[in-house]
Amino acid sequence: RRKNATRESTTTLKSWLYEHMKNPYPTKGEKIMLAIITKMTLTQVSTWFANARRRLKKENKMVWSPSKRTNNNGD
């Protein structure tokens, strides 16, 4: 049975997200740490971040370079 995230757990995830607005992609280690703190699974944490980035992008509150792009000097 699926459990919804609590306000307590999403507060932890949101604070991480806002502290890392320039690169909102947690490493696997960071996701594991966040999963333990929030008592969520690794999959839930990953999904939460994907949805949060999508929501913020949709609201034009966040503009970042996708992690695949390494240089912006045209070469």
N, C-alpha and C. Protein backbone atom coordinates (compact mmCIF):
# COMPACT_ATOMS: atom_id res chain seq x y z
N ARG A 1 0.83 -1.20 0.00
CA ARG A 1 0.00 0.00 0.00
C ARG A 1 0.87 1.25 0.00
N ARG A 2 0.52 2.19 -0.88
CA ARG A 2 1.31 3.41 -1.03
C ARG A 2 1.02 4.39 0.10
N LYS A 3 2.09 4.99 0.62
CA LYS A 3 1.95 6.00 1.66
C LYS A 3 2.33 7.35 1.08
N ASN A 4 1.50 8.36 1.34
CA ASN A 4 1.84 9.71 0.88
C ASN A 4 2.94 10.29 1.76
N ALA A 5 3.73 11.16 1.17
CA ALA A 5 4.79 11.82 1.92
C ALA A 5 4.15 12.75 2.95
N THR A 6 4.79 12.85 4.10
CA THR A 6 4.27 13.75 5.14
C THR A 6 4.83 15.15 4.93
N ARG A 7 4.20 16.12 5.54
CA ARG A 7 4.69 17.50 5.45
C ARG A 7 6.11 17.58 6.03
N GLU A 8 6.35 16.80 7.08
CA GLU A 8 7.66 16.77 7.73
C GLU A 8 8.75 16.31 6.75
N SER A 9 8.46 15.25 6.00
CA SER A 9 9.47 14.73 5.06
C SER A 9 9.66 15.66 3.88
N THR A 10 8.57 16.25 3.38
CA THR A 10 8.73 17.14 2.22
C THR A 10 9.44 18.44 2.63
N THR A 11 9.31 18.85 3.88
CA THR A 11 10.03 20.04 4.34
C THR A 11 11.54 19.81 4.23
N THR A 12 11.99 18.63 4.61
CA THR A 12 13.41 18.28 4.52
C THR A 12 13.87 18.31 3.06
N LEU A 13 13.06 17.71 2.17
CA LEU A 13 13.41 17.66 0.75
C LEU A 13 13.40 19.06 0.13
N LYS A 14 12.39 19.86 0.49
CA LYS A 14 12.31 21.23 -0.05
C LYS A 14 13.50 22.06 0.39
N SER A 15 13.91 21.92 1.65
CA SER A 15 15.04 22.72 2.11
C SER A 15 16.31 22.33 1.36
N TRP A 16 16.49 21.02 1.08
CA TRP A 16 17.66 20.60 0.29
C TRP A 16 17.57 21.23 -1.10
N LEU A 17 16.38 21.17 -1.70
CA LEU A 17 16.18 21.68 -3.05
C LEU A 17 16.50 23.18 -3.13
N TYR A 18 16.00 23.96 -2.17
CA TYR A 18 16.23 25.40 -2.21
C TYR A 18 17.67 25.77 -1.91
N GLU A 19 18.37 24.94 -1.16
CA GLU A 19 19.80 25.18 -0.92
C GLU A 19 20.65 24.84 -2.14
N HIS A 20 20.09 24.06 -3.07
CA HIS A 20 20.85 23.61 -4.24
C HIS A 20 20.16 24.00 -5.54
N MET A 21 19.58 25.21 -5.58
CA MET A 21 18.84 25.66 -6.75
C MET A 21 19.68 25.66 -8.03
N LYS A 22 20.98 25.93 -7.90
CA LYS A 22 21.84 25.98 -9.09
C LYS A 22 22.01 24.60 -9.73
N ASN A 23 21.97 23.57 -8.91
CA ASN A 23 22.10 22.19 -9.41
C ASN A 23 21.21 21.28 -8.57
N PRO A 24 19.93 21.22 -8.92
CA PRO A 24 18.96 20.50 -8.07
C PRO A 24 18.95 18.99 -8.28
N TYR A 25 20.13 18.42 -8.48
CA TYR A 25 20.25 16.98 -8.71
C TYR A 25 21.08 16.35 -7.59
N PRO A 26 20.43 15.79 -6.56
CA PRO A 26 21.21 15.17 -5.49
C PRO A 26 21.96 13.94 -5.99
N THR A 27 23.14 13.72 -5.43
CA THR A 27 23.90 12.51 -5.77
C THR A 27 23.21 11.31 -5.13
N LYS A 28 23.63 10.13 -5.51
CA LYS A 28 23.02 8.93 -4.92
C LYS A 28 23.22 8.93 -3.41
N GLY A 29 24.39 9.34 -2.97
CA GLY A 29 24.67 9.40 -1.52
C GLY A 29 23.74 10.38 -0.82
N GLU A 30 23.52 11.53 -1.45
CA GLU A 30 22.62 12.52 -0.86
C GLU A 30 21.18 11.99 -0.83
N LYS A 31 20.78 11.28 -1.89
CA LYS A 31 19.43 10.70 -1.92
C LYS A 31 19.27 9.66 -0.81
N ILE A 32 20.31 8.85 -0.59
CA ILE A 32 20.26 7.84 0.47
C ILE A 32 20.12 8.52 1.83
N MET A 33 20.92 9.56 2.05
CA MET A 33 20.85 10.31 3.30
C MET A 33 19.45 10.92 3.49
N LEU A 34 18.92 11.52 2.43
CA LEU A 34 17.58 12.13 2.51
C LEU A 34 16.51 11.06 2.73
N ALA A 35 16.66 9.91 2.12
CA ALA A 35 15.70 8.81 2.30
C ALA A 35 15.68 8.36 3.76
N ILE A 36 16.85 8.26 4.37
CA ILE A 36 16.93 7.84 5.77
C ILE A 36 16.28 8.89 6.68
N ILE A 37 16.62 10.16 6.44
CA ILE A 37 16.07 11.25 7.26
C ILE A 37 14.55 11.32 7.15
N THR A 38 14.05 11.18 5.92
CA THR A 38 12.61 11.35 5.68
C THR A 38 11.81 10.06 5.85
N LYS A 39 12.50 8.94 6.07
CA LYS A 39 11.86 7.62 6.16
C LYS A 39 11.09 7.27 4.89
N MET A 40 11.66 7.71 3.76
CA MET A 40 11.10 7.38 2.45
C MET A 40 12.06 6.40 1.78
N THR A 41 11.60 5.77 0.69
CA THR A 41 12.50 4.89 -0.06
C THR A 41 13.33 5.76 -1.01
N LEU A 42 14.41 5.18 -1.52
CA LEU A 42 15.26 5.86 -2.49
C LEU A 42 14.44 6.23 -3.74
N THR A 43 13.58 5.32 -4.16
CA THR A 43 12.73 5.58 -5.33
C THR A 43 11.79 6.76 -5.07
N GLN A 44 11.20 6.80 -3.88
CA GLN A 44 10.30 7.92 -3.55
C GLN A 44 11.04 9.25 -3.56
N VAL A 45 12.25 9.27 -3.02
CA VAL A 45 13.04 10.49 -2.99
C VAL A 45 13.38 10.92 -4.41
N SER A 46 13.82 9.99 -5.24
CA SER A 46 14.16 10.30 -6.64
C SER A 46 12.95 10.85 -7.39
N THR A 47 11.81 10.21 -7.19
CA THR A 47 10.58 10.64 -7.85
C THR A 47 10.16 12.02 -7.36
N TRP A 48 10.28 12.25 -6.05
CA TRP A 48 9.92 13.55 -5.49
C TRP A 48 10.75 14.66 -6.14
N PHE A 49 12.07 14.44 -6.27
CA PHE A 49 12.93 15.45 -6.88
C PHE A 49 12.59 15.68 -8.35
N ALA A 50 12.32 14.61 -9.08
CA ALA A 50 11.95 14.75 -10.50
C ALA A 50 10.67 15.58 -10.62
N ASN A 51 9.68 15.28 -9.78
CA ASN A 51 8.42 16.02 -9.82
C ASN A 51 8.61 17.46 -9.37
N ALA A 52 9.43 17.68 -8.35
CA ALA A 52 9.67 19.04 -7.84
C ALA A 52 10.35 19.90 -8.91
N ARG A 53 11.35 19.32 -9.60
CA ARG A 53 12.01 20.07 -10.67
C ARG A 53 11.03 20.40 -11.78
N ARG A 54 10.18 19.44 -12.12
CA ARG A 54 9.18 19.66 -13.17
C ARG A 54 8.22 20.77 -12.78
N ARG A 55 7.76 20.73 -11.53
CA ARG A 55 6.83 21.77 -11.04
C ARG A 55 7.47 23.14 -11.07
N LEU A 56 8.71 23.24 -10.57
CA LEU A 56 9.39 24.53 -10.53
C LEU A 56 9.67 25.07 -11.92
N LYS A 57 10.03 24.19 -12.83
CA LYS A 57 10.31 24.61 -14.20
C LYS A 57 9.02 25.13 -14.85
N LYS A 58 7.93 24.43 -14.61
CA LYS A 58 6.63 24.79 -15.16
C LYS A 58 6.20 26.17 -14.66
N GLU A 59 6.50 26.45 -13.41
CA GLU A 59 6.14 27.75 -12.81
C GLU A 59 7.19 28.82 -13.11
N ASN A 60 8.22 28.48 -13.90
CA ASN A 60 9.31 29.39 -14.24
C ASN A 60 10.02 29.94 -13.00
N LYS A 61 10.04 29.16 -11.95
CA LYS A 61 10.72 29.60 -10.73
C LYS A 61 12.16 29.14 -10.72
N MET A 62 12.49 28.26 -11.65
CA MET A 62 13.83 27.69 -11.64
C MET A 62 14.32 27.52 -13.06
N VAL A 63 15.51 28.01 -13.30
CA VAL A 63 16.13 27.79 -14.60
C VAL A 63 17.53 27.29 -14.33
N TRP A 64 17.83 26.12 -14.80
CA TRP A 64 19.15 25.54 -14.58
C TRP A 64 19.58 24.80 -15.83
N SER A 65 20.86 24.59 -15.93
CA SER A 65 21.36 23.81 -17.04
C SER A 65 21.25 22.35 -16.68
N PRO A 66 20.68 21.53 -17.54
CA PRO A 66 20.64 20.10 -17.25
C PRO A 66 22.05 19.59 -16.99
N SER A 67 22.19 18.61 -16.12
CA SER A 67 23.51 18.14 -15.70
C SER A 67 24.36 17.60 -16.83
N LYS A 68 23.75 17.24 -17.97
CA LYS A 68 24.52 16.72 -19.10
C LYS A 68 25.34 17.82 -19.78
N ARG A 69 24.86 19.05 -19.69
CA ARG A 69 25.56 20.17 -20.34
C ARG A 69 26.73 20.61 -19.46
N THR A 70 27.93 20.55 -20.02
CA THR A 70 29.09 20.89 -19.19
C THR A 70 29.68 22.24 -19.55
N ASN A 71 29.59 22.65 -20.80
CA ASN A 71 30.11 23.97 -21.13
C ASN A 71 29.14 24.74 -22.00
N ASN A 72 29.17 26.05 -21.85
CA ASN A 72 28.24 26.89 -22.59
C ASN A 72 28.97 27.87 -23.52
N ASN A 73 30.19 27.52 -23.91
CA ASN A 73 30.96 28.45 -24.73
C ASN A 73 30.93 28.10 -26.22
N GLY A 74 29.97 27.30 -26.61
CA GLY A 74 29.74 27.06 -28.04
C GLY A 74 30.64 26.06 -28.73
N ASP A 75 31.57 25.42 -28.03
CA ASP A 75 32.40 24.45 -28.74
C ASP A 75 32.21 23.05 -28.28
